[in-house]
Amino acid sequence: MAASTEHASPGSSSSTPLPPPILTLIKVIIRPLHPSDATMMTKHANDPDISKGMRNTFPNPYSLEQAKDFLNNIGLKETHPSSSKPNAKPILKNYALCRRSDGAYMGGIGLMPMADVEARTFETGYWIGKEFWGNGYMTEALRAFTLWAFRTFPDLVRVEASVFEGNDGSVRVLKRAGFQAEGVRRKAIWKRGELLDKMYFSMLREECDGLHNYDTSDVHS
C-alpha cells in the first residue's frame, strides 16, 4: 500500500494526515516530512554506521528530541523558490523516503542550494536506515529525485554530491543513478579521529535528460 494523505506513518499514533508524495516510484515514495516521522527517524538514524558517512551536524547518538528539533526547525520549514522570478513558488528542501509497499519511513533525501556564483548548483544529500540497504531503494530514489529537481527548478544546471572515503555503498548509488565522478579533495575530512578523502560527483541537466535504464512510467510528480 502506498503512502497517502489518509494514514499516518507506521509506528506512529498520530492521526494527522500525511502530505501527498512528490514522487511515487516502483519501490519508494518520496514525500514531505511529517511530525509523526520523528520516532522512526530516531530509530534508523541512531546508528553509528549511518552517522559515520555524514557531517557532524548529523549527531550520534541521535535522540528523539533531536529528531523533533530537526523536523520543527528545518525539515518542515526550509524552502527555496522554484525560480528567480518574483513570487516564485517556495519548494521544500527536505523529504522522507518511504517504502511504497507499506509506507514505512526509511530515511531522508534533500537539496541544499548553493549561493552567489554557484547559484545554479544544488547539493543533494541522503541517508537510509541500515535494514533497508541492498534493496535498490536509494538508487531508485536518487535517480527520480534528481530528475524531479531539474524539472522543478528550471534555473538549475547542476546537482552535486560528496562522499567520504570508505563509503563504497554511496559511491555505487551515485554511479548507478547516473552521477559522474569529478575529483577528490585529499584528507579534507576529519571524522572520528581519522583523516579521509572527500569524493565529488555531479550530474548536469543535459545528462539527466538521457538517464539510462530509467522507466518513468510509474513516476508521478
Protein backbone atom coordinates (compact mmCIF):
# COMPACT_ATOMS: atom_id res chain seq x y z
CA MET A 1 0.00 0.00 0.00
CA ALA A 2 1.42 3.39 -0.97
CA ALA A 3 1.67 6.25 1.49
CA SER A 4 -1.17 8.68 1.04
CA THR A 5 -2.90 11.57 2.74
CA GLU A 6 -5.22 9.16 4.51
CA HIS A 7 -2.95 7.43 7.00
CA ALA A 8 -0.09 8.25 9.35
CA SER A 9 3.38 6.74 9.29
CA PRO A 10 3.63 3.14 10.52
CA GLY A 11 4.62 3.07 14.17
CA SER A 12 3.03 6.45 14.90
CA SER A 13 -0.17 7.14 16.79
CA SER A 14 -0.63 10.48 15.03
CA SER A 15 -3.90 10.88 13.14
CA THR A 16 -2.70 14.00 11.29
CA PRO A 17 -2.87 13.28 7.56
CA LEU A 18 0.40 12.79 5.73
CA PRO A 19 1.22 15.21 2.91
CA PRO A 20 0.88 13.82 -0.62
CA PRO A 21 4.07 12.44 -2.18
CA ILE A 22 6.10 14.36 -4.72
CA LEU A 23 7.16 11.05 -6.31
CA THR A 24 5.59 7.59 -6.31
CA LEU A 25 8.06 5.06 -7.71
CA ILE A 26 8.17 1.30 -8.08
CA LYS A 27 9.70 0.66 -4.63
CA VAL A 28 9.84 4.07 -2.97
CA ILE A 29 7.64 7.03 -2.14
CA ILE A 30 9.22 10.44 -1.62
CA ARG A 31 7.03 12.84 0.34
CA PRO A 32 7.37 15.93 2.54
CA LEU A 33 8.34 15.22 6.12
CA HIS A 34 5.69 14.95 8.84
CA PRO A 35 5.86 15.33 12.65
CA SER A 36 4.98 11.64 13.03
CA ASP A 37 8.28 10.70 11.32
CA ALA A 38 10.25 11.55 14.48
CA THR A 39 10.06 8.10 16.08
CA MET A 40 11.21 6.10 13.05
CA MET A 41 13.74 8.78 12.15
CA THR A 42 15.29 8.30 15.58
CA LYS A 43 15.28 4.52 15.24
CA HIS A 44 17.07 4.47 11.89
CA ALA A 45 19.35 7.50 12.37
CA ASN A 46 20.62 6.37 15.77
CA ASP A 47 23.23 4.11 14.20
CA PRO A 48 26.99 4.80 14.05
CA ASP A 49 27.14 3.18 10.61
CA ILE A 50 24.79 5.90 9.35
CA SER A 51 26.41 8.88 11.03
CA LYS A 52 29.97 7.93 10.02
CA GLY A 53 29.18 8.96 6.45
CA MET A 54 27.51 12.23 7.45
CA ARG A 55 28.63 15.67 8.59
CA ASN A 56 28.86 16.17 12.35
CA THR A 57 25.59 18.12 12.27
CA PHE A 58 24.03 14.64 11.96
CA PRO A 59 24.65 13.52 15.57
CA ASN A 60 25.35 10.16 17.13
CA PRO A 61 23.67 9.15 19.37
CA TYR A 62 20.54 10.50 17.67
CA SER A 63 17.74 11.19 20.14
CA LEU A 64 14.01 11.64 19.71
CA GLU A 65 14.38 15.26 20.80
CA GLN A 66 16.99 15.84 18.10
CA ALA A 67 14.65 14.35 15.50
CA LYS A 68 11.82 16.60 16.64
CA ASP A 69 14.12 19.62 16.62
CA PHE A 70 15.22 18.86 13.05
CA LEU A 71 11.64 18.42 11.88
CA ASN A 72 10.29 21.52 13.60
CA ASN A 73 13.13 23.90 12.73
CA ILE A 74 14.48 22.59 9.42
CA GLY A 75 12.68 19.68 7.80
CA LEU A 76 9.17 21.12 7.86
CA LYS A 77 10.18 24.73 7.24
CA GLU A 78 13.19 25.26 4.96
CA THR A 79 12.22 26.14 1.40
CA HIS A 80 13.78 27.54 -1.76
CA PRO A 81 11.99 29.46 -4.52
CA SER A 82 11.35 27.40 -7.63
CA SER A 83 12.94 30.10 -9.81
CA SER A 84 14.47 33.56 -9.70
CA LYS A 85 11.19 35.12 -10.84
CA PRO A 86 9.22 37.32 -8.42
CA ASN A 87 6.63 35.42 -6.39
CA ALA A 88 8.11 32.05 -7.38
CA LYS A 89 6.60 29.10 -5.53
CA PRO A 90 8.54 28.03 -2.40
CA ILE A 91 9.67 24.40 -2.56
CA LEU A 92 10.65 22.32 0.47
CA LYS A 93 14.30 21.24 0.64
CA ASN A 94 13.96 18.04 2.72
CA TYR A 95 11.87 14.90 2.17
CA ALA A 96 11.11 11.50 3.63
CA LEU A 97 11.99 8.25 1.88
CA CYS A 98 9.24 5.69 2.44
CA ARG A 99 8.78 2.12 1.29
CA ARG A 100 5.91 2.00 -1.17
CA SER A 101 4.60 -1.39 -0.08
CA ASP A 102 3.64 -0.23 3.42
CA GLY A 103 4.55 3.47 3.73
CA ALA A 104 7.33 2.74 6.24
CA TYR A 105 9.72 5.63 6.85
CA MET A 106 13.23 4.58 5.72
CA GLY A 107 15.36 7.74 5.66
CA GLY A 108 15.72 11.14 4.08
CA ILE A 109 16.78 12.99 0.96
CA GLY A 110 17.16 16.68 0.28
CA LEU A 111 18.66 19.58 -1.62
CA MET A 112 20.96 22.38 -0.49
CA PRO A 113 21.00 25.28 -2.96
CA MET A 114 24.39 26.92 -3.43
CA ALA A 115 24.78 30.71 -3.48
CA ASP A 116 26.46 33.59 -5.27
CA VAL A 117 28.27 32.47 -8.44
CA GLU A 118 27.21 28.85 -7.74
CA ALA A 119 23.51 29.70 -7.57
CA ARG A 120 22.66 27.26 -10.39
CA THR A 121 24.12 24.33 -8.47
CA PHE A 122 22.36 22.31 -5.76
CA GLU A 123 23.98 19.76 -3.48
CA THR A 124 21.96 16.63 -2.75
CA GLY A 125 22.30 14.54 0.38
CA TYR A 126 20.57 11.38 1.52
CA TRP A 127 20.58 8.56 4.05
CA ILE A 128 18.62 5.35 4.55
CA GLY A 129 18.32 3.00 7.52
CA LYS A 130 20.64 0.01 7.54
CA GLU A 131 17.82 -2.52 7.46
CA PHE A 132 16.87 -1.20 4.02
CA TRP A 133 20.35 -1.39 2.47
CA GLY A 134 20.92 -3.58 -0.57
CA ASN A 135 17.38 -3.42 -1.97
CA GLY A 136 17.82 -0.72 -4.60
CA TYR A 137 15.68 1.80 -2.72
CA MET A 138 18.29 4.54 -2.62
CA THR A 139 19.33 4.23 -6.26
CA GLU A 140 15.72 4.42 -7.44
CA ALA A 141 15.04 7.39 -5.16
CA LEU A 142 18.13 9.36 -6.17
CA ARG A 143 17.52 8.90 -9.91
CA ALA A 144 13.95 10.13 -9.66
CA PHE A 145 14.65 12.88 -7.12
CA THR A 146 17.39 14.35 -9.33
CA LEU A 147 15.07 14.30 -12.33
CA TRP A 148 12.36 15.93 -10.21
CA ALA A 149 14.82 18.63 -9.11
CA PHE A 150 15.70 19.54 -12.69
CA ARG A 151 12.00 19.65 -13.61
CA THR A 152 11.02 21.67 -10.54
CA PHE A 153 13.82 24.25 -10.65
CA PRO A 154 14.16 25.50 -14.25
CA ASP A 155 17.29 27.54 -13.44
CA LEU A 156 19.10 24.50 -12.04
CA VAL A 157 22.05 23.35 -14.16
CA ARG A 158 23.98 21.01 -11.88
CA VAL A 159 23.31 18.65 -8.96
CA GLU A 160 26.34 17.53 -6.99
CA ALA A 161 27.06 15.18 -4.10
CA SER A 162 30.06 14.40 -1.94
CA VAL A 163 31.08 11.14 -0.28
CA PHE A 164 33.61 10.39 2.44
CA GLU A 165 36.36 7.89 1.72
CA GLY A 166 35.24 4.37 2.61
CA ASN A 167 31.54 4.90 1.89
CA ASP A 168 31.54 2.47 -1.01
CA GLY A 169 27.78 1.94 -0.88
CA SER A 170 27.06 5.60 -1.52
CA VAL A 171 29.57 5.66 -4.38
CA ARG A 172 27.72 2.75 -6.00
CA VAL A 173 24.38 4.52 -5.57
CA LEU A 174 25.64 7.69 -7.22
CA LYS A 175 27.18 5.87 -10.17
CA ARG A 176 24.08 3.74 -10.73
CA ALA A 177 21.93 6.85 -10.56
CA GLY A 178 23.95 8.41 -13.38
CA PHE A 179 26.25 10.76 -11.48
CA GLN A 180 29.78 11.30 -12.80
CA ALA A 181 32.90 11.18 -10.62
CA GLU A 182 34.68 14.54 -10.72
CA GLY A 183 37.57 14.56 -8.29
CA VAL A 184 38.90 14.16 -4.78
CA ARG A 185 39.83 16.59 -2.01
CA ARG A 186 42.61 14.73 -0.28
CA LYS A 187 42.37 14.40 3.52
CA ALA A 188 39.65 17.06 3.62
CA ILE A 189 37.57 15.25 6.26
CA TRP A 190 38.36 14.77 9.95
CA LYS A 191 35.85 12.22 11.20
CA ARG A 192 36.10 10.10 14.34
CA GLY A 193 39.81 10.70 14.70
CA GLU A 194 40.66 9.83 11.12
CA LEU A 195 41.62 11.88 8.06
CA LEU A 196 39.61 10.94 4.99
CA ASP A 197 39.44 11.97 1.36
CA LYS A 198 36.24 13.57 0.10
CA MET A 199 34.99 12.45 -3.33
CA TYR A 200 32.80 14.59 -5.58
CA PHE A 201 30.11 13.52 -8.06
CA SER A 202 27.73 15.52 -10.23
CA MET A 203 25.00 15.38 -12.83
CA LEU A 204 24.28 18.13 -15.35
CA ARG A 205 20.83 18.90 -16.69
CA GLU A 206 21.68 17.57 -20.16
CA GLU A 207 22.95 14.33 -18.62
CA CYS A 208 19.80 13.83 -16.57
CA ASP A 209 17.61 14.03 -19.66
CA GLY A 210 19.38 10.95 -21.04
CA LEU A 211 19.35 8.70 -17.97
CA HIS A 212 19.78 5.06 -18.98
CA ASN A 213 17.54 2.24 -17.78
CA TYR A 214 15.16 4.66 -16.07
CA ASP A 215 11.48 3.91 -16.57
CA THR A 216 9.34 6.98 -15.88
CA SER A 217 6.07 5.13 -16.48
CA ASP A 218 5.48 4.75 -12.74
CA VAL A 219 6.69 8.18 -11.65
CA HIS A 220 4.15 10.79 -10.64
CA SER A 221 5.43 14.28 -9.87
